[in-house]
Amino acid sequence: MLLFTQPAELKQYFRQLPPTATIGFVPTMGALHEGHLTLVRLAKQQCTVVICSIFVNPTQFNNPEDLAKYPRTIEADSQMLESVGCDVLFLPEVTTMYPTPVRTTLDFGDLEKVLEGKFRAGHFNGVGLVVSKLFHLVKPDVAFFGQKDLQQCLIIKQLVRDYSFDLKLVIVPTMRETDGLAMSSRNRRLTKAQRQLAPQLYKALQTAQTELQNGQAVQTVQENFTTYLHQWAAFRVEYFEVANTLDLQSVMHCTHGQEIALVTAVFLGEIRLIDNLVFTF
């Protein structure tokens, strides 16, 4: 596996590829887990060359403490990527990605005003900026993202559409631990006791789906979700919404055949976990 830190190195590498080569791209912030590796494996199946980036993007953090505590495990990440056949690791510095202060802002309309956007001001502007930069530098034919960050996936779909990026997006279903917890880099920050509690989040989502399909009112399902998790003092629900999957606007009445997303963010201690469950009503 090749390691590049500068855009010029990427350009030189691309010049050596045959014209028919297809580039698969997996952008990450590191602290890799099996979910990331699944994306790389899928990219290997579909593309000639696979490039993975690791960059902890400061512009998408609205909490400086969260940025400071984000896990950074480059050596272990590199070994994991090499084990699944990643061809190139792009590892830029902050000064490489942001050589001058950014003055451009991106507006994703109503999509960024709900859920994560509502509680993390400026987050999706930062996501859009860094993904745009990476797409310009890597020029992928196919880019792979995980559905755990459902709103981010929709934001990037809009970005690709509005800015005419010439690439295909592949959204891969959420990878989960055997107990149901959605795989996330933040999970490694959980204490042993918190980790034992964490699967209750997915159980609450599954229960909410069952209740909706059994005819319970959306408001009742929302109340039950919060009541269930608040049995444990360690949990604090930031939001739980029943939404459509097109723009994540809230749904108060589900209709037969409609694709529904149950979307949530909760704090387990000081660790913020997000998850979602998508199904057809």
C-alpha atoms as a PDB file:
ATOM      1  CA  MET A   1       0.000   0.000   0.000  1.00  0.00           C
ATOM      2  CA  LEU A   2       1.304   3.433  -0.953  1.00  0.00           C
ATOM      3  CA  LEU A   3       1.133   6.359   1.466  1.00  0.00           C
ATOM      4  CA  PHE A   4       0.720   9.887   0.128  1.00  0.00           C
ATOM      5  CA  THR A   5       0.406  13.112   2.097  1.00  0.00           C
ATOM      6  CA  GLN A   6       0.444  15.645  -0.746  1.00  0.00           C
ATOM      7  CA  PRO A   7      -1.919  16.218  -3.696  1.00  0.00           C
ATOM      8  CA  ALA A   8       1.075  16.296  -6.055  1.00  0.00           C
ATOM      9  CA  GLU A   9       1.862  12.702  -5.112  1.00  0.00           C
ATOM     10  CA  LEU A  10      -1.677  11.678  -5.993  1.00  0.00           C
ATOM     11  CA  LYS A  11      -1.420  13.419  -9.370  1.00  0.00           C
ATOM     12  CA  GLN A  12       1.841  11.647 -10.167  1.00  0.00           C
ATOM     13  CA  TYR A  13       0.305   8.312  -9.209  1.00  0.00           C
ATOM     14  CA  PHE A  14      -2.734   8.913 -11.417  1.00  0.00           C
ATOM     15  CA  ARG A  15      -0.475   9.629 -14.425  1.00  0.00           C
ATOM     16  CA  GLN A  16       0.914   6.101 -14.153  1.00  0.00           C
ATOM     17  CA  LEU A  17      -2.483   4.381 -14.178  1.00  0.00           C
ATOM     18  CA  PRO A  18      -3.830   2.893 -17.408  1.00  0.00           C
ATOM     19  CA  PRO A  19      -6.647   4.910 -19.042  1.00  0.00           C
ATOM     20  CA  THR A  20      -9.147   2.156 -18.295  1.00  0.00           C
ATOM     21  CA  ALA A  21      -8.433   2.124 -14.544  1.00  0.00           C
ATOM     22  CA  THR A  22     -11.370   2.941 -12.276  1.00  0.00           C
ATOM     23  CA  ILE A  23     -10.782   4.618  -8.921  1.00  0.00           C
ATOM     24  CA  GLY A  24     -12.771   3.672  -5.845  1.00  0.00           C
ATOM     25  CA  PHE A  25     -12.625   6.093  -2.933  1.00  0.00           C
ATOM     26  CA  VAL A  26     -13.367   5.584   0.768  1.00  0.00           C
ATOM     27  CA  PRO A  27     -13.062   8.856   2.725  1.00  0.00           C
ATOM     28  CA  THR A  28     -12.706   8.429   6.500  1.00  0.00           C
ATOM     29  CA  MET A  29     -11.620  10.238   9.641  1.00  0.00           C
ATOM     30  CA  GLY A  30      -9.635   7.231  10.819  1.00  0.00           C
ATOM     31  CA  ALA A  31     -10.046   5.119  13.965  1.00  0.00           C
ATOM     32  CA  LEU A  32     -11.091   2.454  11.504  1.00  0.00           C
ATOM     33  CA  HIS A  33     -13.345  -0.509  12.230  1.00  0.00           C
ATOM     34  CA  GLU A  34     -14.964  -3.355  10.333  1.00  0.00           C
ATOM     35  CA  GLY A  35     -17.525  -1.001   8.814  1.00  0.00           C
ATOM     36  CA  HIS A  36     -14.774   0.956   7.064  1.00  0.00           C
ATOM     37  CA  LEU A  37     -13.078  -2.247   5.942  1.00  0.00           C
ATOM     38  CA  THR A  38     -16.344  -3.438   4.419  1.00  0.00           C
ATOM     39  CA  LEU A  39     -16.384  -0.288   2.287  1.00  0.00           C
ATOM     40  CA  VAL A  40     -12.807  -0.951   1.163  1.00  0.00           C
ATOM     41  CA  ARG A  41     -13.565  -4.579   0.309  1.00  0.00           C
ATOM     42  CA  LEU A  42     -16.576  -3.526  -1.738  1.00  0.00           C
ATOM     43  CA  ALA A  43     -14.469  -0.915  -3.519  1.00  0.00           C
ATOM     44  CA  LYS A  44     -11.901  -3.611  -4.331  1.00  0.00           C
ATOM     45  CA  GLN A  45     -14.640  -5.676  -5.952  1.00  0.00           C
ATOM     46  CA  GLN A  46     -15.932  -2.834  -8.099  1.00  0.00           C
ATOM     47  CA  CYS A  47     -12.830  -0.796  -8.975  1.00  0.00           C
ATOM     48  CA  THR A  48      -9.299  -1.191 -10.295  1.00  0.00           C
ATOM     49  CA  VAL A  49      -7.684   0.997  -7.647  1.00  0.00           C
ATOM     50  CA  VAL A  50      -8.872   1.781  -4.117  1.00  0.00           C
ATOM     51  CA  ILE A  51      -7.868   4.972  -2.320  1.00  0.00           C
ATOM     52  CA  CYS A  52      -8.737   5.575   1.318  1.00  0.00           C
ATOM     53  CA  SER A  53      -8.249   8.954   2.959  1.00  0.00           C
ATOM     54  CA  ILE A  54      -7.819   9.599   6.667  1.00  0.00           C
ATOM     55  CA  PHE A  55      -8.400  13.186   7.687  1.00  0.00           C
ATOM     56  CA  VAL A  56      -9.956  14.437  10.911  1.00  0.00           C
ATOM     57  CA  ASN A  57     -11.723  17.442   9.434  1.00  0.00           C
ATOM     58  CA  PRO A  58     -11.751  20.395  11.853  1.00  0.00           C
ATOM     59  CA  THR A  59     -14.412  22.368   9.961  1.00  0.00           C
ATOM     60  CA  GLN A  60     -17.153  19.842  10.719  1.00  0.00           C
ATOM     61  CA  PHE A  61     -16.699  19.912  14.493  1.00  0.00           C
ATOM     62  CA  ASN A  62     -18.751  22.492  16.356  1.00  0.00           C
ATOM     63  CA  ASN A  63     -17.329  21.268  19.680  1.00  0.00           C
ATOM     64  CA  PRO A  64     -13.543  21.826  20.058  1.00  0.00           C
ATOM     65  CA  GLU A  65     -13.373  19.249  22.860  1.00  0.00           C
ATOM     66  CA  ASP A  66     -14.943  16.616  20.610  1.00  0.00           C
ATOM     67  CA  LEU A  67     -12.337  17.373  17.944  1.00  0.00           C
ATOM     68  CA  ALA A  68      -9.509  17.107  20.458  1.00  0.00           C
ATOM     69  CA  LYS A  69     -10.748  13.774  21.786  1.00  0.00           C
ATOM     70  CA  TYR A  70     -11.493  12.171  18.419  1.00  0.00           C
ATOM     71  CA  PRO A  71      -9.473   8.914  18.261  1.00  0.00           C
ATOM     72  CA  ARG A  72      -6.340   9.025  16.123  1.00  0.00           C
ATOM     73  CA  THR A  73      -4.854   5.587  15.425  1.00  0.00           C
ATOM     74  CA  ILE A  74      -2.911   5.988  12.192  1.00  0.00           C
ATOM     75  CA  GLU A  75      -0.520   3.059  12.632  1.00  0.00           C
ATOM     76  CA  ALA A  76      -3.300   0.569  13.386  1.00  0.00           C
ATOM     77  CA  ASP A  77      -5.462   2.063  10.625  1.00  0.00           C
ATOM     78  CA  SER A  78      -2.672   1.624   8.081  1.00  0.00           C
ATOM     79  CA  GLN A  79      -2.222  -2.022   9.006  1.00  0.00           C
ATOM     80  CA  MET A  80      -5.954  -2.665   8.704  1.00  0.00           C
ATOM     81  CA  LEU A  81      -6.146  -1.022   5.290  1.00  0.00           C
ATOM     82  CA  GLU A  82      -3.179  -2.968   4.021  1.00  0.00           C
ATOM     83  CA  SER A  83      -4.738  -6.224   5.247  1.00  0.00           C
ATOM     84  CA  VAL A  84      -7.783  -5.722   2.989  1.00  0.00           C
ATOM     85  CA  GLY A  85      -5.820  -4.682  -0.077  1.00  0.00           C
ATOM     86  CA  CYS A  86      -6.188  -0.904  -0.082  1.00  0.00           C
ATOM     87  CA  ASP A  87      -3.889   0.480  -2.778  1.00  0.00           C
ATOM     88  CA  VAL A  88      -3.344   4.042  -1.559  1.00  0.00           C
ATOM     89  CA  LEU A  89      -3.717   5.798   1.797  1.00  0.00           C
ATOM     90  CA  PHE A  90      -4.040   9.556   1.437  1.00  0.00           C
ATOM     91  CA  LEU A  91      -3.069  11.182   4.738  1.00  0.00           C
ATOM     92  CA  PRO A  92      -3.056  14.982   4.371  1.00  0.00           C
ATOM     93  CA  GLU A  93      -2.316  17.520   7.083  1.00  0.00           C
ATOM     94  CA  VAL A  94      -4.781  20.247   8.020  1.00  0.00           C
ATOM     95  CA  THR A  95      -2.544  22.843   6.335  1.00  0.00           C
ATOM     96  CA  THR A  96      -2.658  20.806   3.130  1.00  0.00           C
ATOM     97  CA  MET A  97      -6.450  20.685   3.035  1.00  0.00           C
ATOM     98  CA  TYR A  98      -6.900  24.250   4.308  1.00  0.00           C
ATOM     99  CA  PRO A  99      -3.829  26.276   3.261  1.00  0.00           C
ATOM    100  CA  THR A 100      -5.784  29.490   3.781  1.00  0.00           C
ATOM    101  CA  PRO A 101      -8.828  30.333   5.913  1.00  0.00           C
ATOM    102  CA  VAL A 102     -12.046  29.128   4.281  1.00  0.00           C
ATOM    103  CA  ARG A 103     -14.510  31.866   3.394  1.00  0.00           C
ATOM    104  CA  THR A 104     -16.860  29.806   1.231  1.00  0.00           C
ATOM    105  CA  THR A 105     -20.004  28.415   2.824  1.00  0.00           C
ATOM    106  CA  LEU A 106     -22.346  25.769   1.472  1.00  0.00           C
ATOM    107  CA  ASP A 107     -26.096  25.833   2.005  1.00  0.00           C
ATOM    108  CA  PHE A 108     -27.969  22.551   1.681  1.00  0.00           C
ATOM    109  CA  GLY A 109     -31.364  24.076   2.293  1.00  0.00           C
ATOM    110  CA  ASP A 110     -33.951  22.323   4.448  1.00  0.00           C
ATOM    111  CA  LEU A 111     -31.896  19.119   4.550  1.00  0.00           C
ATOM    112  CA  GLU A 112     -29.296  20.699   6.823  1.00  0.00           C
ATOM    113  CA  LYS A 113     -31.806  22.360   9.143  1.00  0.00           C
ATOM    114  CA  VAL A 114     -33.066  19.134  10.730  1.00  0.00           C
ATOM    115  CA  LEU A 115     -31.583  16.403  12.945  1.00  0.00           C
ATOM    116  CA  GLU A 116     -27.764  16.715  12.963  1.00  0.00           C
ATOM    117  CA  GLY A 117     -27.900  20.092  11.259  1.00  0.00           C
ATOM    118  CA  LYS A 118     -30.281  21.451  13.888  1.00  0.00           C
ATOM    119  CA  PHE A 119     -28.064  20.385  16.781  1.00  0.00           C
ATOM    120  CA  ARG A 120     -24.625  20.864  15.170  1.00  0.00           C
ATOM    121  CA  ALA A 121     -24.545  24.274  13.541  1.00  0.00           C
ATOM    122  CA  GLY A 122     -22.145  24.436  10.607  1.00  0.00           C
ATOM    123  CA  HIS A 123     -21.483  20.709  10.631  1.00  0.00           C
ATOM    124  CA  PHE A 124     -22.666  19.992   7.102  1.00  0.00           C
ATOM    125  CA  ASN A 125     -20.943  23.052   5.698  1.00  0.00           C
ATOM    126  CA  GLY A 126     -17.711  21.475   6.960  1.00  0.00           C
ATOM    127  CA  VAL A 127     -18.651  18.070   5.578  1.00  0.00           C
ATOM    128  CA  GLY A 128     -19.496  19.547   2.184  1.00  0.00           C
ATOM    129  CA  LEU A 129     -16.255  21.529   2.030  1.00  0.00           C
ATOM    130  CA  VAL A 130     -13.948  18.646   2.831  1.00  0.00           C
ATOM    131  CA  VAL A 131     -15.764  16.124   0.639  1.00  0.00           C
ATOM    132  CA  SER A 132     -15.663  18.591  -2.271  1.00  0.00           C
ATOM    133  CA  LYS A 133     -11.928  19.057  -1.775  1.00  0.00           C
ATOM    134  CA  LEU A 134     -11.324  15.316  -1.587  1.00  0.00           C
ATOM    135  CA  PHE A 135     -13.425  14.636  -4.680  1.00  0.00           C
ATOM    136  CA  HIS A 136     -11.402  17.233  -6.605  1.00  0.00           C
ATOM    137  CA  LEU A 137      -8.093  15.756  -5.443  1.00  0.00           C
ATOM    138  CA  VAL A 138      -8.879  12.035  -5.793  1.00  0.00           C
ATOM    139  CA  LYS A 139     -11.246  12.277  -8.785  1.00  0.00           C
ATOM    140  CA  PRO A 140     -12.931   8.961  -7.984  1.00  0.00           C
ATOM    141  CA  ASP A 141     -15.158   7.038 -10.344  1.00  0.00           C
ATOM    142  CA  VAL A 142     -17.005   5.549  -7.373  1.00  0.00           C
ATOM    143  CA  ALA A 143     -17.174   6.814  -3.765  1.00  0.00           C
ATOM    144  CA  PHE A 144     -18.338   4.623  -0.883  1.00  0.00           C
ATOM    145  CA  PHE A 145     -20.142   5.792   2.271  1.00  0.00           C
ATOM    146  CA  GLY A 146     -21.867   4.037   5.166  1.00  0.00           C
ATOM    147  CA  GLN A 147     -25.573   4.487   5.868  1.00  0.00           C
ATOM    148  CA  LYS A 148     -25.024   4.950   9.609  1.00  0.00           C
ATOM    149  CA  ASP A 149     -24.463   8.614   8.759  1.00  0.00           C
ATOM    150  CA  LEU A 150     -27.763   8.738   6.860  1.00  0.00           C
ATOM    151  CA  GLN A 151     -28.125  12.517   6.768  1.00  0.00           C
ATOM    152  CA  GLN A 152     -24.522  12.890   5.643  1.00  0.00           C
ATOM    153  CA  CYS A 153     -25.217  10.458   2.792  1.00  0.00           C
ATOM    154  CA  LEU A 154     -28.150  12.603   1.633  1.00  0.00           C
ATOM    155  CA  ILE A 155     -26.045  15.753   1.938  1.00  0.00           C
ATOM    156  CA  ILE A 156     -23.332  14.206  -0.244  1.00  0.00           C
ATOM    157  CA  LYS A 157     -25.908  13.026  -2.784  1.00  0.00           C
ATOM    158  CA  GLN A 158     -27.102  16.614  -3.055  1.00  0.00           C
ATOM    159  CA  LEU A 159     -23.509  17.859  -3.298  1.00  0.00           C
ATOM    160  CA  VAL A 160     -22.751  15.469  -6.162  1.00  0.00           C
ATOM    161  CA  ARG A 161     -25.951  16.425  -7.962  1.00  0.00           C
ATOM    162  CA  ASP A 162     -25.698  20.197  -7.485  1.00  0.00           C
ATOM    163  CA  TYR A 163     -21.980  20.451  -8.336  1.00  0.00           C
ATOM    164  CA  SER A 164     -22.058  17.845 -11.121  1.00  0.00           C
ATOM    165  CA  PHE A 165     -19.312  15.638  -9.731  1.00  0.00           C
ATOM    166  CA  ASP A 166     -18.710  12.909 -12.303  1.00  0.00           C
ATOM    167  CA  LEU A 167     -18.862   9.931  -9.993  1.00  0.00           C
ATOM    168  CA  LYS A 168     -21.138   7.214  -8.667  1.00  0.00           C
ATOM    169  CA  LEU A 169     -22.115   7.073  -5.006  1.00  0.00           C
ATOM    170  CA  VAL A 170     -22.489   3.710  -3.287  1.00  0.00           C
ATOM    171  CA  ILE A 171     -24.271   3.788   0.079  1.00  0.00           C
ATOM    172  CA  VAL A 172     -23.588   0.662   2.136  1.00  0.00           C
ATOM    173  CA  PRO A 173     -25.964  -0.529   4.908  1.00  0.00           C
ATOM    174  CA  THR A 174     -24.883   0.072   8.498  1.00  0.00           C
ATOM    175  CA  MET A 175     -22.492  -2.530   9.871  1.00  0.00           C
ATOM    176  CA  ARG A 176     -23.312  -3.663  13.402  1.00  0.00           C
ATOM    177  CA  GLU A 177     -21.619  -5.533  16.196  1.00  0.00           C
ATOM    178  CA  THR A 178     -23.093  -8.931  17.082  1.00  0.00           C
ATOM    179  CA  ASP A 179     -25.178  -7.269  19.810  1.00  0.00           C
ATOM    180  CA  GLY A 180     -26.627  -4.721  17.394  1.00  0.00           C
ATOM    181  CA  LEU A 181     -24.560  -1.646  18.225  1.00  0.00           C
ATOM    182  CA  ALA A 182     -23.782   0.323  15.061  1.00  0.00           C
ATOM    183  CA  MET A 183     -20.051   0.280  14.388  1.00  0.00           C
ATOM    184  CA  SER A 184     -18.519   3.680  15.049  1.00  0.00           C
ATOM    185  CA  SER A 185     -15.096   5.115  15.801  1.00  0.00           C
ATOM    186  CA  ARG A 186     -16.609   6.738  18.884  1.00  0.00           C
ATOM    187  CA  ASN A 187     -17.480   3.359  20.385  1.00  0.00           C
ATOM    188  CA  ARG A 188     -13.901   2.899  21.535  1.00  0.00           C
ATOM    189  CA  ARG A 189     -14.399   5.853  23.894  1.00  0.00           C
ATOM    190  CA  LEU A 190     -17.167   4.040  25.782  1.00  0.00           C
ATOM    191  CA  THR A 191     -16.361   2.647  29.214  1.00  0.00           C
ATOM    192  CA  LYS A 192     -16.944  -1.057  29.815  1.00  0.00           C
ATOM    193  CA  ALA A 193     -20.244  -0.318  31.567  1.00  0.00           C
ATOM    194  CA  GLN A 194     -21.367   2.048  28.811  1.00  0.00           C
ATOM    195  CA  ARG A 195     -20.470  -0.486  26.144  1.00  0.00           C
ATOM    196  CA  GLN A 196     -22.723  -3.044  27.846  1.00  0.00           C
ATOM    197  CA  LEU A 197     -25.600  -0.546  27.787  1.00  0.00           C
ATOM    198  CA  ALA A 198     -25.027   0.735  24.260  1.00  0.00           C
ATOM    199  CA  PRO A 199     -26.949  -2.032  22.390  1.00  0.00           C
ATOM    200  CA  GLN A 200     -30.149  -0.795  24.041  1.00  0.00           C
ATOM    201  CA  LEU A 201     -30.124   2.005  21.467  1.00  0.00           C
ATOM    202  CA  TYR A 202     -30.667  -0.412  18.575  1.00  0.00           C
ATOM    203  CA  LYS A 203     -33.239  -2.341  20.610  1.00  0.00           C
ATOM    204  CA  ALA A 204     -35.157   0.909  21.108  1.00  0.00           C
ATOM    205  CA  LEU A 205     -35.101   1.546  17.344  1.00  0.00           C
ATOM    206  CA  GLN A 206     -36.346  -1.982  16.620  1.00  0.00           C
ATOM    207  CA  THR A 207     -39.140  -1.565  19.161  1.00  0.00           C
ATOM    208  CA  ALA A 208     -40.140   1.746  17.585  1.00  0.00           C
ATOM    209  CA  GLN A 209     -40.350   0.106  14.159  1.00  0.00           C
ATOM    210  CA  THR A 210     -42.565  -2.663  15.521  1.00  0.00           C
ATOM    211  CA  GLU A 211     -44.831  -0.159  17.262  1.00  0.00           C
ATOM    212  CA  LEU A 212     -45.256   1.908  14.101  1.00  0.00           C
ATOM    213  CA  GLN A 213     -46.039  -1.151  12.017  1.00  0.00           C
ATOM    214  CA  ASN A 214     -48.596  -2.207  14.631  1.00  0.00           C
ATOM    215  CA  GLY A 215     -50.418   1.101  14.218  1.00  0.00           C
ATOM    216  CA  GLN A 216     -49.112   3.143  17.141  1.00  0.00           C
ATOM    217  CA  ALA A 217     -49.206   6.909  16.657  1.00  0.00           C
ATOM    218  CA  VAL A 218     -45.886   8.551  15.825  1.00  0.00           C
ATOM    219  CA  GLN A 219     -45.980  10.773  18.909  1.00  0.00           C
ATOM    220  CA  THR A 220     -46.594   7.766  21.161  1.00  0.00           C
ATOM    221  CA  VAL A 221     -43.713   5.888  19.549  1.00  0.00           C
ATOM    222  CA  GLN A 222     -41.434   8.871  20.144  1.00  0.00           C
ATOM    223  CA  GLU A 223     -42.453   9.086  23.789  1.00  0.00           C
ATOM    224  CA  ASN A 224     -41.958   5.334  24.279  1.00  0.00           C
ATOM    225  CA  PHE A 225     -38.496   5.504  22.699  1.00  0.00           C
ATOM    226  CA  THR A 226     -37.331   8.178  25.124  1.00  0.00           C
ATOM    227  CA  THR A 227     -38.987   6.535  28.130  1.00  0.00           C
ATOM    228  CA  TYR A 228     -37.309   3.210  27.316  1.00  0.00           C
ATOM    229  CA  LEU A 229     -33.789   4.625  27.109  1.00  0.00           C
ATOM    230  CA  HIS A 230     -34.226   6.906  30.105  1.00  0.00           C
ATOM    231  CA  GLN A 231     -34.633   3.811  32.291  1.00  0.00           C
ATOM    232  CA  TRP A 232     -30.850   4.101  32.467  1.00  0.00           C
ATOM    233  CA  ALA A 233     -29.455   7.322  33.878  1.00  0.00           C
ATOM    234  CA  ALA A 234     -26.484   7.142  31.519  1.00  0.00           C
ATOM    235  CA  PHE A 235     -28.676   7.739  28.448  1.00  0.00           C
ATOM    236  CA  ARG A 236     -29.886  11.140  27.303  1.00  0.00           C
ATOM    237  CA  VAL A 237     -31.881  11.336  24.087  1.00  0.00           C
ATOM    238  CA  GLU A 238     -31.013  14.416  22.041  1.00  0.00           C
ATOM    239  CA  TYR A 239     -33.497  13.656  19.281  1.00  0.00           C
ATOM    240  CA  PHE A 240     -35.544  10.825  17.844  1.00  0.00           C
ATOM    241  CA  GLU A 241     -37.497  11.452  14.654  1.00  0.00           C
ATOM    242  CA  VAL A 242     -39.701   9.474  12.321  1.00  0.00           C
ATOM    243  CA  ALA A 243     -38.823  10.876   8.892  1.00  0.00           C
ATOM    244  CA  ASN A 244     -39.083  10.241   5.186  1.00  0.00           C
ATOM    245  CA  THR A 245     -35.899   9.085   3.455  1.00  0.00           C
ATOM    246  CA  LEU A 246     -35.913  11.733   0.710  1.00  0.00           C
ATOM    247  CA  ASP A 247     -35.155  14.834   2.787  1.00  0.00           C
ATOM    248  CA  LEU A 248     -35.539  13.603   6.389  1.00  0.00           C
ATOM    249  CA  GLN A 249     -38.542  15.810   7.080  1.00  0.00           C
ATOM    250  CA  SER A 250     -40.658  14.567   9.973  1.00  0.00           C
ATOM    251  CA  VAL A 251     -43.559  12.231   9.277  1.00  0.00           C
ATOM    252  CA  MET A 252     -46.591  12.250  11.576  1.00  0.00           C
ATOM    253  CA  HIS A 253     -48.607   9.647   9.645  1.00  0.00           C
ATOM    254  CA  CYS A 254     -46.974   6.696   7.887  1.00  0.00           C
ATOM    255  CA  THR A 255     -48.576   5.364   4.718  1.00  0.00           C
ATOM    256  CA  HIS A 256     -48.359   1.886   3.222  1.00  0.00           C
ATOM    257  CA  GLY A 257     -45.339   1.479   0.939  1.00  0.00           C
ATOM    258  CA  GLN A 258     -43.603   4.592   2.284  1.00  0.00           C
ATOM    259  CA  GLU A 259     -39.894   4.316   3.102  1.00  0.00           C
ATOM    260  CA  ILE A 260     -39.362   5.494   6.662  1.00  0.00           C
ATOM    261  CA  ALA A 261     -36.196   6.402   8.558  1.00  0.00           C
ATOM    262  CA  LEU A 262     -36.040   6.268  12.337  1.00  0.00           C
ATOM    263  CA  VAL A 263     -33.187   8.632  13.133  1.00  0.00           C
ATOM    264  CA  THR A 264     -31.669   9.341  16.517  1.00  0.00           C
ATOM    265  CA  ALA A 265     -28.797  10.861  18.444  1.00  0.00           C
ATOM    266  CA  VAL A 266     -28.258  10.013  22.099  1.00  0.00           C
ATOM    267  CA  PHE A 267     -25.619  10.695  24.686  1.00  0.00           C
ATOM    268  CA  LEU A 268     -24.293   7.733  26.606  1.00  0.00           C
ATOM    269  CA  GLY A 269     -22.373   9.493  29.318  1.00  0.00           C
ATOM    270  CA  GLU A 270     -20.424  12.128  27.383  1.00  0.00           C
ATOM    271  CA  ILE A 271     -20.240  10.047  24.196  1.00  0.00           C
ATOM    272  CA  ARG A 272     -22.668  11.029  21.465  1.00  0.00           C
ATOM    273  CA  LEU A 273     -23.984   8.116  19.400  1.00  0.00           C
ATOM    274  CA  ILE A 274     -26.073   8.329  16.242  1.00  0.00           C
ATOM    275  CA  ASP A 275     -28.036   5.541  14.611  1.00  0.00           C
ATOM    276  CA  ASN A 276     -30.914   4.985  12.235  1.00  0.00           C
ATOM    277  CA  LEU A 277     -33.224   2.272  10.987  1.00  0.00           C
ATOM    278  CA  VAL A 278     -34.692   2.421   7.478  1.00  0.00           C
ATOM    279  CA  PHE A 279     -37.656   0.302   6.460  1.00  0.00           C
ATOM    280  CA  THR A 280     -40.684   0.245   4.186  1.00  0.00           C
ATOM    281  CA  PHE A 281     -43.922   0.789   6.090  1.00  0.00           C
END
